[in-house]
Amino acid sequence: MIPKGFEEFLKSLDGKLPPDDWSLALKALWWDAKGDWNASHEIAQDLPTPMGSRIHAYLHRKEGDDWNAGYWYRQANEPFPDFTLEEELKRLVIQEIAT
């Protein structure tokens, strides 16, 4: 079941795997929030959507690769964020839940 908000998303992190009925984007965000950057990146790099590019950008920003992150933000037609990574994760999750 798709989470109804960010708090419900965070509670889902107690599980071993993201729910099967979630979008690939939400699963990528789940893996990142769970602490598995590689699993998240594997999904995001194969998502040919603006959200996939945004998640890909966020992940490279998180690893400190601002050049690569900037490329992916441009692919998503988004500016480089001026807020925290925690806030960016929250915004991405909320946006993906709303779609």
PDB file of N, CA and C in Angstrom:
ATOM      1  N   MET A   1       0.840  -1.177   0.000  1.00  0.00           N
ATOM      2  CA  MET A   1       0.000   0.000   0.000  1.00  0.00           C
ATOM      3  C   MET A   1       0.890   1.247   0.000  1.00  0.00           C
ATOM      4  N   ILE A   2       0.547   2.198  -0.842  1.00  0.00           N
ATOM      5  CA  ILE A   2       1.306   3.441  -0.946  1.00  0.00           C
ATOM      6  C   ILE A   2       1.146   4.226   0.360  1.00  0.00           C
ATOM      7  N   PRO A   3       2.256   4.733   0.904  1.00  0.00           N
ATOM      8  CA  PRO A   3       2.143   5.501   2.154  1.00  0.00           C
ATOM      9  C   PRO A   3       1.320   6.764   1.948  1.00  0.00           C
ATOM     10  N   LYS A   4       0.641   7.183   2.995  1.00  0.00           N
ATOM     11  CA  LYS A   4      -0.218   8.365   2.913  1.00  0.00           C
ATOM     12  C   LYS A   4       0.556   9.651   3.192  1.00  0.00           C
ATOM     13  N   GLY A   5       1.782   9.537   3.635  1.00  0.00           N
ATOM     14  CA  GLY A   5       2.599  10.707   3.928  1.00  0.00           C
ATOM     15  C   GLY A   5       4.017  10.294   4.260  1.00  0.00           C
ATOM     16  N   PHE A   6       4.844  11.290   4.545  1.00  0.00           N
ATOM     17  CA  PHE A   6       6.251  11.026   4.801  1.00  0.00           C
ATOM     18  C   PHE A   6       6.454  10.195   6.065  1.00  0.00           C
ATOM     19  N   GLU A   7       5.669  10.463   7.110  1.00  0.00           N
ATOM     20  CA  GLU A   7       5.811   9.703   8.355  1.00  0.00           C
ATOM     21  C   GLU A   7       5.503   8.219   8.135  1.00  0.00           C
ATOM     22  N   GLU A   8       4.485   7.955   7.348  1.00  0.00           N
ATOM     23  CA  GLU A   8       4.142   6.560   7.042  1.00  0.00           C
ATOM     24  C   GLU A   8       5.253   5.916   6.203  1.00  0.00           C
ATOM     25  N   PHE A   9       5.836   6.684   5.296  1.00  0.00           N
ATOM     26  CA  PHE A   9       6.983   6.200   4.520  1.00  0.00           C
ATOM     27  C   PHE A   9       8.116   5.809   5.467  1.00  0.00           C
ATOM     28  N   LEU A  10       8.421   6.683   6.426  1.00  0.00           N
ATOM     29  CA  LEU A  10       9.498   6.396   7.376  1.00  0.00           C
ATOM     30  C   LEU A  10       9.210   5.136   8.191  1.00  0.00           C
ATOM     31  N   LYS A  11       7.971   4.928   8.576  1.00  0.00           N
ATOM     32  CA  LYS A  11       7.607   3.730   9.336  1.00  0.00           C
ATOM     33  C   LYS A  11       7.823   2.463   8.522  1.00  0.00           C
ATOM     34  N   SER A  12       7.691   2.574   7.200  1.00  0.00           N
ATOM     35  CA  SER A  12       7.864   1.397   6.337  1.00  0.00           C
ATOM     36  C   SER A  12       9.316   0.914   6.319  1.00  0.00           C
ATOM     37  N   LEU A  13      10.235   1.741   6.788  1.00  0.00           N
ATOM     38  CA  LEU A  13      11.650   1.366   6.779  1.00  0.00           C
ATOM     39  C   LEU A  13      11.959   0.228   7.740  1.00  0.00           C
ATOM     40  N   ASP A  14      11.010  -0.118   8.594  1.00  0.00           N
ATOM     41  CA  ASP A  14      11.189  -1.261   9.485  1.00  0.00           C
ATOM     42  C   ASP A  14      11.171  -2.584   8.717  1.00  0.00           C
ATOM     43  N   GLY A  15      10.609  -2.571   7.520  1.00  0.00           N
ATOM     44  CA  GLY A  15      10.537  -3.786   6.716  1.00  0.00           C
ATOM     45  C   GLY A  15      11.876  -4.131   6.081  1.00  0.00           C
ATOM     46  N   LYS A  16      11.946  -5.341   5.532  1.00  0.00           N
ATOM     47  CA  LYS A  16      13.175  -5.793   4.877  1.00  0.00           C
ATOM     48  C   LYS A  16      13.238  -5.364   3.427  1.00  0.00           C
ATOM     49  N   LEU A  17      12.076  -5.179   2.810  1.00  0.00           N
ATOM     50  CA  LEU A  17      11.979  -4.784   1.405  1.00  0.00           C
ATOM     51  C   LEU A  17      10.853  -3.765   1.258  1.00  0.00           C
ATOM     52  N   PRO A  18      10.952  -2.905   0.239  1.00  0.00           N
ATOM     53  CA  PRO A  18       9.825  -2.002  -0.014  1.00  0.00           C
ATOM     54  C   PRO A  18       8.651  -2.801  -0.571  1.00  0.00           C
ATOM     55  N   PRO A  19       7.442  -2.340  -0.353  1.00  0.00           N
ATOM     56  CA  PRO A  19       6.279  -3.059  -0.882  1.00  0.00           C
ATOM     57  C   PRO A  19       6.324  -3.203  -2.405  1.00  0.00           C
ATOM     58  N   ASP A  20       5.864  -4.335  -2.884  1.00  0.00           N
ATOM     59  CA  ASP A  20       5.882  -4.635  -4.321  1.00  0.00           C
ATOM     60  C   ASP A  20       5.054  -3.657  -5.140  1.00  0.00           C
ATOM     61  N   ASP A  21       3.981  -3.122  -4.569  1.00  0.00           N
ATOM     62  CA  ASP A  21       3.092  -2.271  -5.349  1.00  0.00           C
ATOM     63  C   ASP A  21       3.557  -0.817  -5.429  1.00  0.00           C
ATOM     64  N   TRP A  22       4.722  -0.500  -4.881  1.00  0.00           N
ATOM     65  CA  TRP A  22       5.262   0.854  -4.961  1.00  0.00           C
ATOM     66  C   TRP A  22       5.912   1.089  -6.321  1.00  0.00           C
ATOM     67  N   SER A  23       5.928   2.336  -6.741  1.00  0.00           N
ATOM     68  CA  SER A  23       6.628   2.711  -7.975  1.00  0.00           C
ATOM     69  C   SER A  23       8.133   2.485  -7.796  1.00  0.00           C
ATOM     70  N   LEU A  24       8.835   2.367  -8.907  1.00  0.00           N
ATOM     71  CA  LEU A  24      10.289   2.212  -8.829  1.00  0.00           C
ATOM     72  C   LEU A  24      10.936   3.429  -8.183  1.00  0.00           C
ATOM     73  N   ALA A  25      10.410   4.608  -8.446  1.00  0.00           N
ATOM     74  CA  ALA A  25      10.957   5.823  -7.834  1.00  0.00           C
ATOM     75  C   ALA A  25      10.818   5.768  -6.316  1.00  0.00           C
ATOM     76  N   LEU A  26       9.658   5.376  -5.830  1.00  0.00           N
ATOM     77  CA  LEU A  26       9.447   5.302  -4.384  1.00  0.00           C
ATOM     78  C   LEU A  26      10.329   4.215  -3.772  1.00  0.00           C
ATOM     79  N   LYS A  27      10.513   3.122  -4.487  1.00  0.00           N
ATOM     80  CA  LYS A  27      11.418   2.069  -4.005  1.00  0.00           C
ATOM     81  C   LYS A  27      12.858   2.588  -3.934  1.00  0.00           C
ATOM     82  N   ALA A  28      13.283   3.367  -4.924  1.00  0.00           N
ATOM     83  CA  ALA A  28      14.638   3.929  -4.900  1.00  0.00           C
ATOM     84  C   ALA A  28      14.803   4.833  -3.686  1.00  0.00           C
ATOM     85  N   LEU A  29      13.806   5.663  -3.409  1.00  0.00           N
ATOM     86  CA  LEU A  29      13.866   6.541  -2.246  1.00  0.00           C
ATOM     87  C   LEU A  29      13.873   5.739  -0.955  1.00  0.00           C
ATOM     88  N   TRP A  30      13.127   4.648  -0.923  1.00  0.00           N
ATOM     89  CA  TRP A  30      13.075   3.780   0.256  1.00  0.00           C
ATOM     90  C   TRP A  30      14.459   3.192   0.534  1.00  0.00           C
ATOM     91  N   TRP A  31      15.103   2.682  -0.517  1.00  0.00           N
ATOM     92  CA  TRP A  31      16.425   2.085  -0.326  1.00  0.00           C
ATOM     93  C   TRP A  31      17.424   3.123   0.183  1.00  0.00           C
ATOM     94  N   ASP A  32      17.345   4.336  -0.341  1.00  0.00           N
ATOM     95  CA  ASP A  32      18.240   5.377   0.156  1.00  0.00           C
ATOM     96  C   ASP A  32      17.958   5.671   1.625  1.00  0.00           C
ATOM     97  N   ALA A  33      16.698   5.839   1.962  1.00  0.00           N
ATOM     98  CA  ALA A  33      16.334   6.130   3.356  1.00  0.00           C
ATOM     99  C   ALA A  33      16.727   4.982   4.274  1.00  0.00           C
ATOM    100  N   LYS A  34      16.763   3.795   3.735  1.00  0.00           N
ATOM    101  CA  LYS A  34      17.158   2.602   4.489  1.00  0.00           C
ATOM    102  C   LYS A  34      18.676   2.527   4.665  1.00  0.00           C
ATOM    103  N   GLY A  35      19.404   3.367   3.913  1.00  0.00           N
ATOM    104  CA  GLY A  35      20.853   3.391   4.039  1.00  0.00           C
ATOM    105  C   GLY A  35      21.595   2.626   2.962  1.00  0.00           C
ATOM    106  N   ASP A  36      20.886   2.201   1.922  1.00  0.00           N
ATOM    107  CA  ASP A  36      21.520   1.438   0.850  1.00  0.00           C
ATOM    108  C   ASP A  36      21.585   2.305  -0.415  1.00  0.00           C
ATOM    109  N   TRP A  37      22.606   3.162  -0.471  1.00  0.00           N
ATOM    110  CA  TRP A  37      22.784   4.082  -1.600  1.00  0.00           C
ATOM    111  C   TRP A  37      22.888   3.307  -2.911  1.00  0.00           C
ATOM    112  N   ASN A  38      23.623   2.201  -2.911  1.00  0.00           N
ATOM    113  CA  ASN A  38      23.828   1.434  -4.145  1.00  0.00           C
ATOM    114  C   ASN A  38      22.532   0.870  -4.702  1.00  0.00           C
ATOM    115  N   ALA A  39      21.693   0.308  -3.850  1.00  0.00           N
ATOM    116  CA  ALA A  39      20.411  -0.236  -4.326  1.00  0.00           C
ATOM    117  C   ALA A  39      19.545   0.886  -4.890  1.00  0.00           C
ATOM    118  N   SER A  40      19.556   2.022  -4.220  1.00  0.00           N
ATOM    119  CA  SER A  40      18.789   3.167  -4.692  1.00  0.00           C
ATOM    120  C   SER A  40      19.310   3.638  -6.047  1.00  0.00           C
ATOM    121  N   HIS A  41      20.612   3.737  -6.170  1.00  0.00           N
ATOM    122  CA  HIS A  41      21.225   4.202  -7.414  1.00  0.00           C
ATOM    123  C   HIS A  41      20.948   3.245  -8.563  1.00  0.00           C
ATOM    124  N   GLU A  42      20.984   1.948  -8.292  1.00  0.00           N
ATOM    125  CA  GLU A  42      20.703   0.950  -9.346  1.00  0.00           C
ATOM    126  C   GLU A  42      19.321   1.183  -9.959  1.00  0.00           C
ATOM    127  N   ILE A  43      18.353   1.532  -9.124  1.00  0.00           N
ATOM    128  CA  ILE A  43      17.003   1.789  -9.628  1.00  0.00           C
ATOM    129  C   ILE A  43      16.961   3.133 -10.350  1.00  0.00           C
ATOM    130  N   ALA A  44      17.466   4.175  -9.692  1.00  0.00           N
ATOM    131  CA  ALA A  44      17.350   5.536 -10.227  1.00  0.00           C
ATOM    132  C   ALA A  44      18.033   5.692 -11.575  1.00  0.00           C
ATOM    133  N   GLN A  45      19.189   5.079 -11.748  1.00  0.00           N
ATOM    134  CA  GLN A  45      19.919   5.266 -13.003  1.00  0.00           C
ATOM    135  C   GLN A  45      19.210   4.630 -14.184  1.00  0.00           C
ATOM    136  N   ASP A  46      18.271   3.741 -13.926  1.00  0.00           N
ATOM    137  CA  ASP A  46      17.514   3.102 -15.000  1.00  0.00           C
ATOM    138  C   ASP A  46      16.098   3.653 -15.142  1.00  0.00           C
ATOM    139  N   LEU A  47      15.789   4.757 -14.445  1.00  0.00           N
ATOM    140  CA  LEU A  47      14.468   5.379 -14.546  1.00  0.00           C
ATOM    141  C   LEU A  47      14.532   6.551 -15.526  1.00  0.00           C
ATOM    142  N   PRO A  48      14.042   6.371 -16.743  1.00  0.00           N
ATOM    143  CA  PRO A  48      14.147   7.429 -17.758  1.00  0.00           C
ATOM    144  C   PRO A  48      13.024   8.462 -17.637  1.00  0.00           C
ATOM    145  N   THR A  49      12.854   9.002 -16.441  1.00  0.00           N
ATOM    146  CA  THR A  49      11.800   9.979 -16.173  1.00  0.00           C
ATOM    147  C   THR A  49      12.418  11.176 -15.454  1.00  0.00           C
ATOM    148  N   PRO A  50      11.724  12.303 -15.438  1.00  0.00           N
ATOM    149  CA  PRO A  50      12.228  13.434 -14.654  1.00  0.00           C
ATOM    150  C   PRO A  50      12.448  13.079 -13.179  1.00  0.00           C
ATOM    151  N   MET A  51      11.557  12.291 -12.595  1.00  0.00           N
ATOM    152  CA  MET A  51      11.738  11.891 -11.194  1.00  0.00           C
ATOM    153  C   MET A  51      12.965  10.995 -11.051  1.00  0.00           C
ATOM    154  N   GLY A  52      13.190  10.101 -11.997  1.00  0.00           N
ATOM    155  CA  GLY A  52      14.387   9.272 -11.960  1.00  0.00           C
ATOM    156  C   GLY A  52      15.641  10.131 -11.997  1.00  0.00           C
ATOM    157  N   SER A  53      15.639  11.157 -12.843  1.00  0.00           N
ATOM    158  CA  SER A  53      16.784  12.069 -12.915  1.00  0.00           C
ATOM    159  C   SER A  53      16.949  12.858 -11.624  1.00  0.00           C
ATOM    160  N   ARG A  54      15.845  13.255 -11.018  1.00  0.00           N
ATOM    161  CA  ARG A  54      15.928  13.994  -9.753  1.00  0.00           C
ATOM    162  C   ARG A  54      16.501  13.126  -8.636  1.00  0.00           C
ATOM    163  N   ILE A  55      16.036  11.884  -8.570  1.00  0.00           N
ATOM    164  CA  ILE A  55      16.568  10.979  -7.543  1.00  0.00           C
ATOM    165  C   ILE A  55      18.045  10.714  -7.806  1.00  0.00           C
ATOM    166  N   HIS A  56      18.391  10.507  -9.068  1.00  0.00           N
ATOM    167  CA  HIS A  56      19.784  10.275  -9.442  1.00  0.00           C
ATOM    168  C   HIS A  56      20.634  11.475  -9.017  1.00  0.00           C
ATOM    169  N   ALA A  57      20.132  12.681  -9.257  1.00  0.00           N
ATOM    170  CA  ALA A  57      20.834  13.904  -8.861  1.00  0.00           C
ATOM    171  C   ALA A  57      21.009  13.959  -7.347  1.00  0.00           C
ATOM    172  N   TYR A  58      19.921  13.701  -6.625  1.00  0.00           N
ATOM    173  CA  TYR A  58      19.953  13.711  -5.161  1.00  0.00           C
ATOM    174  C   TYR A  58      21.004  12.738  -4.630  1.00  0.00           C
ATOM    175  N   LEU A  59      21.050  11.555  -5.218  1.00  0.00           N
ATOM    176  CA  LEU A  59      22.007  10.545  -4.753  1.00  0.00           C
ATOM    177  C   LEU A  59      23.455  10.992  -4.975  1.00  0.00           C
ATOM    178  N   HIS A  60      23.728  11.604  -6.130  1.00  0.00           N
ATOM    179  CA  HIS A  60      25.089  12.073  -6.372  1.00  0.00           C
ATOM    180  C   HIS A  60      25.409  13.280  -5.497  1.00  0.00           C
ATOM    181  N   ARG A  61      24.430  14.119  -5.229  1.00  0.00           N
ATOM    182  CA  ARG A  61      24.638  15.212  -4.282  1.00  0.00           C
ATOM    183  C   ARG A  61      24.967  14.647  -2.901  1.00  0.00           C
ATOM    184  N   LYS A  62      24.262  13.604  -2.524  1.00  0.00           N
ATOM    185  CA  LYS A  62      24.473  12.984  -1.220  1.00  0.00           C
ATOM    186  C   LYS A  62      25.884  12.421  -1.100  1.00  0.00           C
ATOM    187  N   GLU A  63      26.408  11.865  -2.182  1.00  0.00           N
ATOM    188  CA  GLU A  63      27.760  11.297  -2.127  1.00  0.00           C
ATOM    189  C   GLU A  63      28.834  12.374  -2.261  1.00  0.00           C
ATOM    190  N   GLY A  64      28.415  13.616  -2.492  1.00  0.00           N
ATOM    191  CA  GLY A  64      29.367  14.708  -2.589  1.00  0.00           C
ATOM    192  C   GLY A  64      29.875  14.990  -3.994  1.00  0.00           C
ATOM    193  N   ASP A  65      29.265  14.378  -4.993  1.00  0.00           N
ATOM    194  CA  ASP A  65      29.663  14.574  -6.386  1.00  0.00           C
ATOM    195  C   ASP A  65      28.763  15.648  -7.007  1.00  0.00           C
ATOM    196  N   ASP A  66      29.044  16.910  -6.676  1.00  0.00           N
ATOM    197  CA  ASP A  66      28.191  18.004  -7.131  1.00  0.00           C
ATOM    198  C   ASP A  66      28.182  18.171  -8.639  1.00  0.00           C
ATOM    199  N   TRP A  67      29.305  17.858  -9.304  1.00  0.00           N
ATOM    200  CA  TRP A  67      29.340  17.978 -10.757  1.00  0.00           C
ATOM    201  C   TRP A  67      28.334  17.011 -11.390  1.00  0.00           C
ATOM    202  N   ASN A  68      28.390  15.753 -10.986  1.00  0.00           N
ATOM    203  CA  ASN A  68      27.473  14.744 -11.521  1.00  0.00           C
ATOM    204  C   ASN A  68      26.036  15.064 -11.109  1.00  0.00           C
ATOM    205  N   ALA A  69      25.849  15.484  -9.879  1.00  0.00           N
ATOM    206  CA  ALA A  69      24.517  15.866  -9.408  1.00  0.00           C
ATOM    207  C   ALA A  69      23.963  16.990 -10.273  1.00  0.00           C
ATOM    208  N   GLY A  70      24.799  17.991 -10.552  1.00  0.00           N
ATOM    209  CA  GLY A  70      24.356  19.116 -11.380  1.00  0.00           C
ATOM    210  C   GLY A  70      23.882  18.671 -12.749  1.00  0.00           C
ATOM    211  N   TYR A  71      24.598  17.722 -13.336  1.00  0.00           N
ATOM    212  CA  TYR A  71      24.183  17.183 -14.633  1.00  0.00           C
ATOM    213  C   TYR A  71      22.776  16.600 -14.548  1.00  0.00           C
ATOM    214  N   TRP A  72      22.511  15.805 -13.514  1.00  0.00           N
ATOM    215  CA  TRP A  72      21.213  15.144 -13.398  1.00  0.00           C
ATOM    216  C   TRP A  72      20.101  16.124 -13.014  1.00  0.00           C
ATOM    217  N   TYR A  73      20.420  17.150 -12.227  1.00  0.00           N
ATOM    218  CA  TYR A  73      19.408  18.182 -11.975  1.00  0.00           C
ATOM    219  C   TYR A  73      19.039  18.880 -13.281  1.00  0.00           C
ATOM    220  N   ARG A  74      20.028  19.148 -14.116  1.00  0.00           N
ATOM    221  CA  ARG A  74      19.719  19.771 -15.406  1.00  0.00           C
ATOM    222  C   ARG A  74      18.869  18.841 -16.271  1.00  0.00           C
ATOM    223  N   GLN A  75      19.138  17.545 -16.233  1.00  0.00           N
ATOM    224  CA  GLN A  75      18.328  16.584 -16.998  1.00  0.00           C
ATOM    225  C   GLN A  75      16.870  16.606 -16.532  1.00  0.00           C
ATOM    226  N   ALA A  76      16.688  16.852 -15.239  1.00  0.00           N
ATOM    227  CA  ALA A  76      15.338  16.910 -14.666  1.00  0.00           C
ATOM    228  C   ALA A  76      14.733  18.314 -14.763  1.00  0.00           C
ATOM    229  N   ASN A  77      15.505  19.247 -15.337  1.00  0.00           N
ATOM    230  CA  ASN A  77      15.063  20.635 -15.446  1.00  0.00           C
ATOM    231  C   ASN A  77      14.773  21.247 -14.075  1.00  0.00           C
ATOM    232  N   GLU A  78      15.656  20.952 -13.128  1.00  0.00           N
ATOM    233  CA  GLU A  78      15.528  21.434 -11.752  1.00  0.00           C
ATOM    234  C   GLU A  78      16.799  22.173 -11.347  1.00  0.00           C
ATOM    235  N   PRO A  79      16.664  23.221 -10.537  1.00  0.00           N
ATOM    236  CA  PRO A  79      17.861  23.899 -10.036  1.00  0.00           C
ATOM    237  C   PRO A  79      18.552  23.058  -8.969  1.00  0.00           C
ATOM    238  N   PHE A  80      19.830  23.307  -8.775  1.00  0.00           N
ATOM    239  CA  PHE A  80      20.568  22.644  -7.694  1.00  0.00           C
ATOM    240  C   PHE A  80      19.960  23.134  -6.382  1.00  0.00           C
ATOM    241  N   PRO A  81      19.534  22.243  -5.493  1.00  0.00           N
ATOM    242  CA  PRO A  81      18.835  22.650  -4.270  1.00  0.00           C
ATOM    243  C   PRO A  81      19.697  23.488  -3.324  1.00  0.00           C
ATOM    244  N   ASP A  82      19.018  24.367  -2.611  1.00  0.00           N
ATOM    245  CA  ASP A  82      19.694  25.156  -1.581  1.00  0.00           C
ATOM    246  C   ASP A  82      19.161  24.794  -0.197  1.00  0.00           C
ATOM    247  N   PHE A  83      18.685  23.545  -0.072  1.00  0.00           N
ATOM    248  CA  PHE A  83      18.190  23.038   1.201  1.00  0.00           C
ATOM    249  C   PHE A  83      18.870  21.712   1.503  1.00  0.00           C
ATOM    250  N   THR A  84      18.637  21.190   2.698  1.00  0.00           N
ATOM    251  CA  THR A  84      19.343  19.998   3.161  1.00  0.00           C
ATOM    252  C   THR A  84      18.958  18.748   2.374  1.00  0.00           C
ATOM    253  N   LEU A  85      19.822  17.760   2.455  1.00  0.00           N
ATOM    254  CA  LEU A  85      19.518  16.461   1.859  1.00  0.00           C
ATOM    255  C   LEU A  85      18.288  15.843   2.498  1.00  0.00           C
ATOM    256  N   GLU A  86      18.134  16.014   3.804  1.00  0.00           N
ATOM    257  CA  GLU A  86      16.971  15.477   4.504  1.00  0.00           C
ATOM    258  C   GLU A  86      15.684  16.093   3.960  1.00  0.00           C
ATOM    259  N   GLU A  87      15.720  17.392   3.728  1.00  0.00           N
ATOM    260  CA  GLU A  87      14.543  18.075   3.180  1.00  0.00           C
ATOM    261  C   GLU A  87      14.286  17.624   1.746  1.00  0.00           C
ATOM    262  N   GLU A  88      15.359  17.424   0.992  1.00  0.00           N
ATOM    263  CA  GLU A  88      15.177  16.971  -0.384  1.00  0.00           C
ATOM    264  C   GLU A  88      14.546  15.579  -0.425  1.00  0.00           C
ATOM    265  N   LEU A  89      15.016  14.677   0.422  1.00  0.00           N
ATOM    266  CA  LEU A  89      14.402  13.344   0.478  1.00  0.00           C
ATOM    267  C   LEU A  89      12.922  13.463   0.792  1.00  0.00           C
ATOM    268  N   LYS A  90      12.587  14.257   1.776  1.00  0.00           N
ATOM    269  CA  LYS A  90      11.179  14.427   2.164  1.00  0.00           C
ATOM    270  C   LYS A  90      10.357  14.964   0.989  1.00  0.00           C
ATOM    271  N   ARG A  91      10.865  15.963   0.313  1.00  0.00           N
ATOM    272  CA  ARG A  91      10.134  16.545  -0.826  1.00  0.00           C
ATOM    273  C   ARG A  91       9.954  15.539  -1.956  1.00  0.00           C
ATOM    274  N   LEU A  92      11.006  14.762  -2.230  1.00  0.00           N
ATOM    275  CA  LEU A  92      10.904  13.755  -3.287  1.00  0.00           C
ATOM    276  C   LEU A  92       9.866  12.692  -2.943  1.00  0.00           C
ATOM    277  N   VAL A  93       9.888  12.227  -1.699  1.00  0.00           N
ATOM    278  CA  VAL A  93       8.920  11.212  -1.271  1.00  0.00           C
ATOM    279  C   VAL A  93       7.501  11.767  -1.379  1.00  0.00           C
ATOM    280  N   ILE A  94       7.287  12.951  -0.870  1.00  0.00           N
ATOM    281  CA  ILE A  94       5.950  13.547  -0.893  1.00  0.00           C
ATOM    282  C   ILE A  94       5.467  13.726  -2.335  1.00  0.00           C
ATOM    283  N   GLN A  95       6.357  14.186  -3.202  1.00  0.00           N
ATOM    284  CA  GLN A  95       5.962  14.363  -4.606  1.00  0.00           C
ATOM    285  C   GLN A  95       5.618  13.023  -5.249  1.00  0.00           C
ATOM    286  N   GLU A  96       6.426  12.001  -4.982  1.00  0.00           N
ATOM    287  CA  GLU A  96       6.167  10.703  -5.605  1.00  0.00           C
ATOM    288  C   GLU A  96       4.880  10.084  -5.060  1.00  0.00           C
ATOM    289  N   ILE A  97       4.612  10.258  -3.789  1.00  0.00           N
ATOM    290  CA  ILE A  97       3.362   9.743  -3.211  1.00  0.00           C
ATOM    291  C   ILE A  97       2.157  10.401  -3.877  1.00  0.00           C
ATOM    292  N   ALA A  98       2.290  11.680  -4.189  1.00  0.00           N
ATOM    293  CA  ALA A  98       1.175  12.442  -4.756  1.00  0.00           C
ATOM    294  C   ALA A  98       0.863  12.078  -6.204  1.00  0.00           C
ATOM    295  N   THR A  99       1.783  11.380  -6.873  1.00  0.00           N
ATOM    296  CA  THR A  99       1.542  11.075  -8.292  1.00  0.00           C
ATOM    297  C   THR A  99       0.750   9.803  -8.477  1.00  0.00           C
TER     298      THR A  99
END
